[in-house]
Amino acid sequence: MTSRTPLSTAIRPVLFGAGLLLSASAIAAPQGLYSANELLDADVYAKSDSAKAIGEVEDVLLDNDMRVHSLVIDTGDLLDLGDKQYVVDAEHFTVETRNGDSLENIEYSVHLDLDAQALGEQPEYTDTWWNQAKDNLQQAWSDTKEGAASAWETTRSATSGALDKAGEALKSVGEKTQQAADDAAQ
């Protein structure tokens, strides 16, 4: 059984390995469950040549939600890129599963939507990249929490104000109705 599935920031989370979350979209039928152990060292193929491996998966990077953020691709000494490791975001690759029904024989291959030159333009996996990415993602998470809190306060304030006005309007209508009833009774 062969199935190609995008591992991207996409439509629905599925289990990844032992309880980690992975995002998948429906371009191809999703496998549903992936083994991180088997994904490591999987051969990687460029968009321009799906017959010749250009590297292998060195690491799987997860975000705060335990979703796949990116893969680290080790090019070895291939493609005149030198022995480097590049970070490829989840939106730029799909994973093809072979023998998905057999734990003993399961295999993955990673297919980039990048050619070899574009792979060489991806960020290198270094301490500098790691620290900057970690700080950027933490800041984005913090900004998201602050934005959500601010949106909640704005919504709560607007709702409270609207309810106060509605309450005052109902009170006024009630008073006018009472006055009309009193006037009619006299």
C-alpha atoms as a PDB file:
ATOM      1  CA  MET A   1       0.000   0.000   0.000  1.00  0.00           C
ATOM      2  CA  THR A   2       1.384   3.379  -0.989  1.00  0.00           C
ATOM      3  CA  SER A   3      -0.204   6.628   0.076  1.00  0.00           C
ATOM      4  CA  ARG A   4       1.161  10.150  -0.181  1.00  0.00           C
ATOM      5  CA  THR A   5       0.059  12.527   2.567  1.00  0.00           C
ATOM      6  CA  PRO A   6       0.989  16.162   3.140  1.00  0.00           C
ATOM      7  CA  LEU A   7       2.295  16.886   6.612  1.00  0.00           C
ATOM      8  CA  SER A   8       1.440  20.556   6.779  1.00  0.00           C
ATOM      9  CA  THR A   9      -0.256  23.187   8.852  1.00  0.00           C
ATOM     10  CA  ALA A  10      -3.567  22.036   7.595  1.00  0.00           C
ATOM     11  CA  ILE A  11      -7.048  20.795   8.133  1.00  0.00           C
ATOM     12  CA  ARG A  12      -7.144  18.141  10.858  1.00  0.00           C
ATOM     13  CA  PRO A  13      -4.765  16.794  13.492  1.00  0.00           C
ATOM     14  CA  VAL A  14      -4.007  13.081  13.587  1.00  0.00           C
ATOM     15  CA  LEU A  15      -2.004  11.041  16.042  1.00  0.00           C
ATOM     16  CA  PHE A  16       1.726  11.018  15.440  1.00  0.00           C
ATOM     17  CA  GLY A  17       3.801   8.284  17.012  1.00  0.00           C
ATOM     18  CA  ALA A  18       3.005   7.960  20.709  1.00  0.00           C
ATOM     19  CA  GLY A  19       0.438  10.696  21.152  1.00  0.00           C
ATOM     20  CA  LEU A  20       2.075  13.608  19.338  1.00  0.00           C
ATOM     21  CA  LEU A  21      -0.163  15.627  17.054  1.00  0.00           C
ATOM     22  CA  LEU A  22       0.508  16.076  13.367  1.00  0.00           C
ATOM     23  CA  SER A  23      -1.390  18.187  10.874  1.00  0.00           C
ATOM     24  CA  ALA A  24      -2.566  16.624   7.623  1.00  0.00           C
ATOM     25  CA  SER A  25      -4.591  17.862   4.680  1.00  0.00           C
ATOM     26  CA  ALA A  26      -6.654  15.924   2.223  1.00  0.00           C
ATOM     27  CA  ILE A  27      -4.657  16.195  -1.023  1.00  0.00           C
ATOM     28  CA  ALA A  28      -4.092  12.433  -0.794  1.00  0.00           C
ATOM     29  CA  ALA A  29      -5.673   9.866   1.466  1.00  0.00           C
ATOM     30  CA  PRO A  30      -4.078  10.331   4.898  1.00  0.00           C
ATOM     31  CA  GLN A  31      -2.366   7.366   6.489  1.00  0.00           C
ATOM     32  CA  GLY A  32      -3.843   8.366   9.860  1.00  0.00           C
ATOM     33  CA  LEU A  33      -0.970   7.288  12.076  1.00  0.00           C
ATOM     34  CA  TYR A  34       2.724   7.923  11.590  1.00  0.00           C
ATOM     35  CA  SER A  35       5.803   6.543  13.304  1.00  0.00           C
ATOM     36  CA  ALA A  36       8.370   9.207  14.205  1.00  0.00           C
ATOM     37  CA  ASN A  37      10.983   6.482  14.489  1.00  0.00           C
ATOM     38  CA  GLU A  38      10.372   5.348  10.908  1.00  0.00           C
ATOM     39  CA  LEU A  39      10.178   8.921   9.602  1.00  0.00           C
ATOM     40  CA  LEU A  40      13.685   9.594  10.904  1.00  0.00           C
ATOM     41  CA  ASP A  41      16.225   8.635   8.257  1.00  0.00           C
ATOM     42  CA  ALA A  42      13.522   8.472   5.546  1.00  0.00           C
ATOM     43  CA  ASP A  43      14.856   9.331   2.103  1.00  0.00           C
ATOM     44  CA  VAL A  44      14.037  12.820   0.826  1.00  0.00           C
ATOM     45  CA  TYR A  45      13.317  13.622  -2.821  1.00  0.00           C
ATOM     46  CA  ALA A  46      13.330  17.005  -4.564  1.00  0.00           C
ATOM     47  CA  LYS A  47      10.477  18.189  -6.770  1.00  0.00           C
ATOM     48  CA  SER A  48      12.737  18.075  -9.823  1.00  0.00           C
ATOM     49  CA  ASP A  49      13.807  14.404  -9.432  1.00  0.00           C
ATOM     50  CA  SER A  50      11.609  11.954  -7.570  1.00  0.00           C
ATOM     51  CA  ALA A  51      13.911   9.051  -8.454  1.00  0.00           C
ATOM     52  CA  LYS A  52      17.118  10.228  -6.744  1.00  0.00           C
ATOM     53  CA  ALA A  53      17.239  10.863  -3.002  1.00  0.00           C
ATOM     54  CA  ILE A  54      18.826  14.202  -2.098  1.00  0.00           C
ATOM     55  CA  GLY A  55      19.074  13.551   1.626  1.00  0.00           C
ATOM     56  CA  GLU A  56      17.341  12.062   4.610  1.00  0.00           C
ATOM     57  CA  VAL A  57      15.227  13.197   7.545  1.00  0.00           C
ATOM     58  CA  GLU A  58      17.531  14.049  10.429  1.00  0.00           C
ATOM     59  CA  ASP A  59      14.967  15.430  12.883  1.00  0.00           C
ATOM     60  CA  VAL A  60      11.275  16.255  13.288  1.00  0.00           C
ATOM     61  CA  LEU A  61      10.574  19.649  14.888  1.00  0.00           C
ATOM     62  CA  LEU A  62       7.307  20.164  16.789  1.00  0.00           C
ATOM     63  CA  ASP A  63       5.564  23.366  17.863  1.00  0.00           C
ATOM     64  CA  ASN A  64       3.914  24.148  21.231  1.00  0.00           C
ATOM     65  CA  ASP A  65       0.808  22.195  20.180  1.00  0.00           C
ATOM     66  CA  MET A  66       2.949  19.134  19.377  1.00  0.00           C
ATOM     67  CA  ARG A  67       2.216  19.525  15.669  1.00  0.00           C
ATOM     68  CA  VAL A  68       4.920  19.054  13.075  1.00  0.00           C
ATOM     69  CA  HIS A  69       6.515  22.452  12.454  1.00  0.00           C
ATOM     70  CA  SER A  70       9.250  21.301  10.103  1.00  0.00           C
ATOM     71  CA  LEU A  71      11.719  18.592   9.214  1.00  0.00           C
ATOM     72  CA  VAL A  72      15.476  18.837   9.334  1.00  0.00           C
ATOM     73  CA  ILE A  73      16.887  17.447   6.091  1.00  0.00           C
ATOM     74  CA  ASP A  74      20.494  16.228   6.070  1.00  0.00           C
ATOM     75  CA  THR A  75      21.893  16.513   2.542  1.00  0.00           C
ATOM     76  CA  GLY A  76      25.082  14.635   3.296  1.00  0.00           C
ATOM     77  CA  ASP A  77      27.507  15.635   0.580  1.00  0.00           C
ATOM     78  CA  LEU A  78      24.885  15.580  -2.180  1.00  0.00           C
ATOM     79  CA  LEU A  79      23.871  18.314  -4.627  1.00  0.00           C
ATOM     80  CA  ASP A  80      27.037  20.308  -4.136  1.00  0.00           C
ATOM     81  CA  LEU A  81      25.317  21.719  -1.030  1.00  0.00           C
ATOM     82  CA  GLY A  82      27.969  20.314   1.263  1.00  0.00           C
ATOM     83  CA  ASP A  83      27.202  18.265   4.351  1.00  0.00           C
ATOM     84  CA  LYS A  84      24.494  20.562   5.700  1.00  0.00           C
ATOM     85  CA  GLN A  85      21.182  20.300   7.449  1.00  0.00           C
ATOM     86  CA  TYR A  86      18.271  22.418   6.253  1.00  0.00           C
ATOM     87  CA  VAL A  87      14.975  23.255   7.935  1.00  0.00           C
ATOM     88  CA  VAL A  88      11.977  22.607   5.678  1.00  0.00           C
ATOM     89  CA  ASP A  89       8.596  23.860   6.904  1.00  0.00           C
ATOM     90  CA  ALA A  90       5.697  21.410   6.918  1.00  0.00           C
ATOM     91  CA  GLU A  91       3.944  23.166   4.032  1.00  0.00           C
ATOM     92  CA  HIS A  92       6.792  22.174   1.685  1.00  0.00           C
ATOM     93  CA  PHE A  93       6.699  18.382   1.939  1.00  0.00           C
ATOM     94  CA  THR A  94       4.510  15.309   1.751  1.00  0.00           C
ATOM     95  CA  VAL A  95       5.172  11.852   3.116  1.00  0.00           C
ATOM     96  CA  GLU A  96       4.629   8.720   1.088  1.00  0.00           C
ATOM     97  CA  THR A  97       3.911   5.539   3.047  1.00  0.00           C
ATOM     98  CA  ARG A  98       4.866   2.096   1.807  1.00  0.00           C
ATOM     99  CA  ASN A  99       3.774  -1.090   3.536  1.00  0.00           C
ATOM    100  CA  GLY A 100       1.582   0.904   5.927  1.00  0.00           C
ATOM    101  CA  ASP A 101      -0.149  -2.253   7.145  1.00  0.00           C
ATOM    102  CA  SER A 102       3.038  -3.840   8.458  1.00  0.00           C
ATOM    103  CA  LEU A 103       4.870  -2.484  11.502  1.00  0.00           C
ATOM    104  CA  GLU A 104       7.911  -4.529  10.562  1.00  0.00           C
ATOM    105  CA  ASN A 105       8.111  -3.233   6.990  1.00  0.00           C
ATOM    106  CA  ILE A 106       6.668   0.297   7.093  1.00  0.00           C
ATOM    107  CA  GLU A 107       8.674   2.799   5.063  1.00  0.00           C
ATOM    108  CA  TYR A 108       8.329   6.500   4.422  1.00  0.00           C
ATOM    109  CA  SER A 109       9.765   8.740   1.755  1.00  0.00           C
ATOM    110  CA  VAL A 110       9.572  12.524   1.952  1.00  0.00           C
ATOM    111  CA  HIS A 111       8.784  14.495  -1.200  1.00  0.00           C
ATOM    112  CA  LEU A 112       9.592  18.198  -1.260  1.00  0.00           C
ATOM    113  CA  ASP A 113       7.748  20.738  -3.343  1.00  0.00           C
ATOM    114  CA  LEU A 114      11.177  22.384  -3.659  1.00  0.00           C
ATOM    115  CA  ASP A 115      13.928  21.662  -6.138  1.00  0.00           C
ATOM    116  CA  ALA A 116      17.543  21.171  -5.014  1.00  0.00           C
ATOM    117  CA  GLN A 117      18.394  24.852  -5.427  1.00  0.00           C
ATOM    118  CA  ALA A 118      15.381  25.947  -3.339  1.00  0.00           C
ATOM    119  CA  LEU A 119      16.367  23.417  -0.657  1.00  0.00           C
ATOM    120  CA  GLY A 120      19.779  25.084  -0.489  1.00  0.00           C
ATOM    121  CA  GLU A 121      18.011  28.404   0.139  1.00  0.00           C
ATOM    122  CA  GLN A 122      16.180  27.074   3.215  1.00  0.00           C
ATOM    123  CA  PRO A 123      17.564  28.034   6.626  1.00  0.00           C
ATOM    124  CA  GLU A 124      20.421  25.943   7.909  1.00  0.00           C
ATOM    125  CA  TYR A 125      19.768  24.027  11.107  1.00  0.00           C
ATOM    126  CA  THR A 126      22.194  25.737  13.479  1.00  0.00           C
ATOM    127  CA  ASP A 127      22.192  27.011  17.064  1.00  0.00           C
ATOM    128  CA  THR A 128      21.484  30.506  15.725  1.00  0.00           C
ATOM    129  CA  TRP A 129      18.461  29.311  13.731  1.00  0.00           C
ATOM    130  CA  TRP A 130      17.206  27.245  16.690  1.00  0.00           C
ATOM    131  CA  ASN A 131      17.367  30.144  19.140  1.00  0.00           C
ATOM    132  CA  GLN A 132      15.773  32.636  16.738  1.00  0.00           C
ATOM    133  CA  ALA A 133      12.983  30.230  15.754  1.00  0.00           C
ATOM    134  CA  LYS A 134      12.316  29.325  19.382  1.00  0.00           C
ATOM    135  CA  ASP A 135      12.137  33.015  20.388  1.00  0.00           C
ATOM    136  CA  ASN A 136       9.942  33.909  17.374  1.00  0.00           C
ATOM    137  CA  LEU A 137       7.506  31.077  18.046  1.00  0.00           C
ATOM    138  CA  GLN A 138       7.340  31.917  21.756  1.00  0.00           C
ATOM    139  CA  GLN A 139       6.658  35.577  20.906  1.00  0.00           C
ATOM    140  CA  ALA A 140       3.952  34.563  18.420  1.00  0.00           C
ATOM    141  CA  TRP A 141       2.366  32.362  21.116  1.00  0.00           C
ATOM    142  CA  SER A 142       2.500  35.231  23.614  1.00  0.00           C
ATOM    143  CA  ASP A 143       1.030  37.680  21.075  1.00  0.00           C
ATOM    144  CA  THR A 144      -1.761  35.213  20.307  1.00  0.00           C
ATOM    145  CA  LYS A 145      -2.626  34.839  23.996  1.00  0.00           C
ATOM    146  CA  GLU A 146      -2.592  38.637  24.469  1.00  0.00           C
ATOM    147  CA  GLY A 147      -4.717  39.124  21.352  1.00  0.00           C
ATOM    148  CA  ALA A 148      -7.215  36.533  22.521  1.00  0.00           C
ATOM    149  CA  ALA A 149      -7.415  38.152  25.982  1.00  0.00           C
ATOM    150  CA  SER A 150      -7.894  41.583  24.412  1.00  0.00           C
ATOM    151  CA  ALA A 151     -10.591  40.257  22.074  1.00  0.00           C
ATOM    152  CA  TRP A 152     -12.342  38.644  25.047  1.00  0.00           C
ATOM    153  CA  GLU A 153     -12.273  41.897  27.020  1.00  0.00           C
ATOM    154  CA  THR A 154     -13.604  43.863  24.041  1.00  0.00           C
ATOM    155  CA  THR A 155     -16.372  41.316  23.446  1.00  0.00           C
ATOM    156  CA  ARG A 156     -17.247  41.151  27.134  1.00  0.00           C
ATOM    157  CA  SER A 157     -17.346  44.937  27.420  1.00  0.00           C
ATOM    158  CA  ALA A 158     -19.463  45.342  24.288  1.00  0.00           C
ATOM    159  CA  THR A 159     -21.820  42.573  25.367  1.00  0.00           C
ATOM    160  CA  SER A 160     -22.131  44.001  28.859  1.00  0.00           C
ATOM    161  CA  GLY A 161     -22.888  47.455  27.459  1.00  0.00           C
ATOM    162  CA  ALA A 162     -25.473  46.043  25.063  1.00  0.00           C
ATOM    163  CA  LEU A 163     -27.133  44.070  27.863  1.00  0.00           C
ATOM    164  CA  ASP A 164     -27.204  47.166  30.103  1.00  0.00           C
ATOM    165  CA  LYS A 165     -28.861  49.183  27.308  1.00  0.00           C
ATOM    166  CA  ALA A 166     -31.348  46.390  26.624  1.00  0.00           C
ATOM    167  CA  GLY A 167     -32.149  46.191  30.339  1.00  0.00           C
ATOM    168  CA  GLU A 168     -32.687  49.953  30.526  1.00  0.00           C
ATOM    169  CA  ALA A 169     -34.903  49.842  27.428  1.00  0.00           C
ATOM    170  CA  LEU A 170     -37.013  47.026  28.910  1.00  0.00           C
ATOM    171  CA  LYS A 171     -37.313  48.913  32.199  1.00  0.00           C
ATOM    172  CA  SER A 172     -38.419  52.027  30.319  1.00  0.00           C
ATOM    173  CA  VAL A 173     -40.954  50.044  28.271  1.00  0.00           C
ATOM    174  CA  GLY A 174     -42.242  48.460  31.483  1.00  0.00           C
ATOM    175  CA  GLU A 175     -42.596  51.835  33.166  1.00  0.00           C
ATOM    176  CA  LYS A 176     -44.416  53.274  30.131  1.00  0.00           C
ATOM    177  CA  THR A 177     -46.702  50.234  29.987  1.00  0.00           C
ATOM    178  CA  GLN A 178     -47.467  50.586  33.681  1.00  0.00           C
ATOM    179  CA  GLN A 179     -48.157  54.301  33.210  1.00  0.00           C
ATOM    180  CA  ALA A 180     -50.463  53.570  30.253  1.00  0.00           C
ATOM    181  CA  ALA A 181     -52.301  50.929  32.285  1.00  0.00           C
ATOM    182  CA  ASP A 182     -52.688  53.359  35.204  1.00  0.00           C
ATOM    183  CA  ASP A 183     -53.941  56.091  32.849  1.00  0.00           C
ATOM    184  CA  ALA A 184     -56.451  53.690  31.254  1.00  0.00           C
ATOM    185  CA  ALA A 185     -57.719  52.573  34.648  1.00  0.00           C
ATOM    186  CA  GLN A 186     -58.527  56.176  35.701  1.00  0.00           C
END
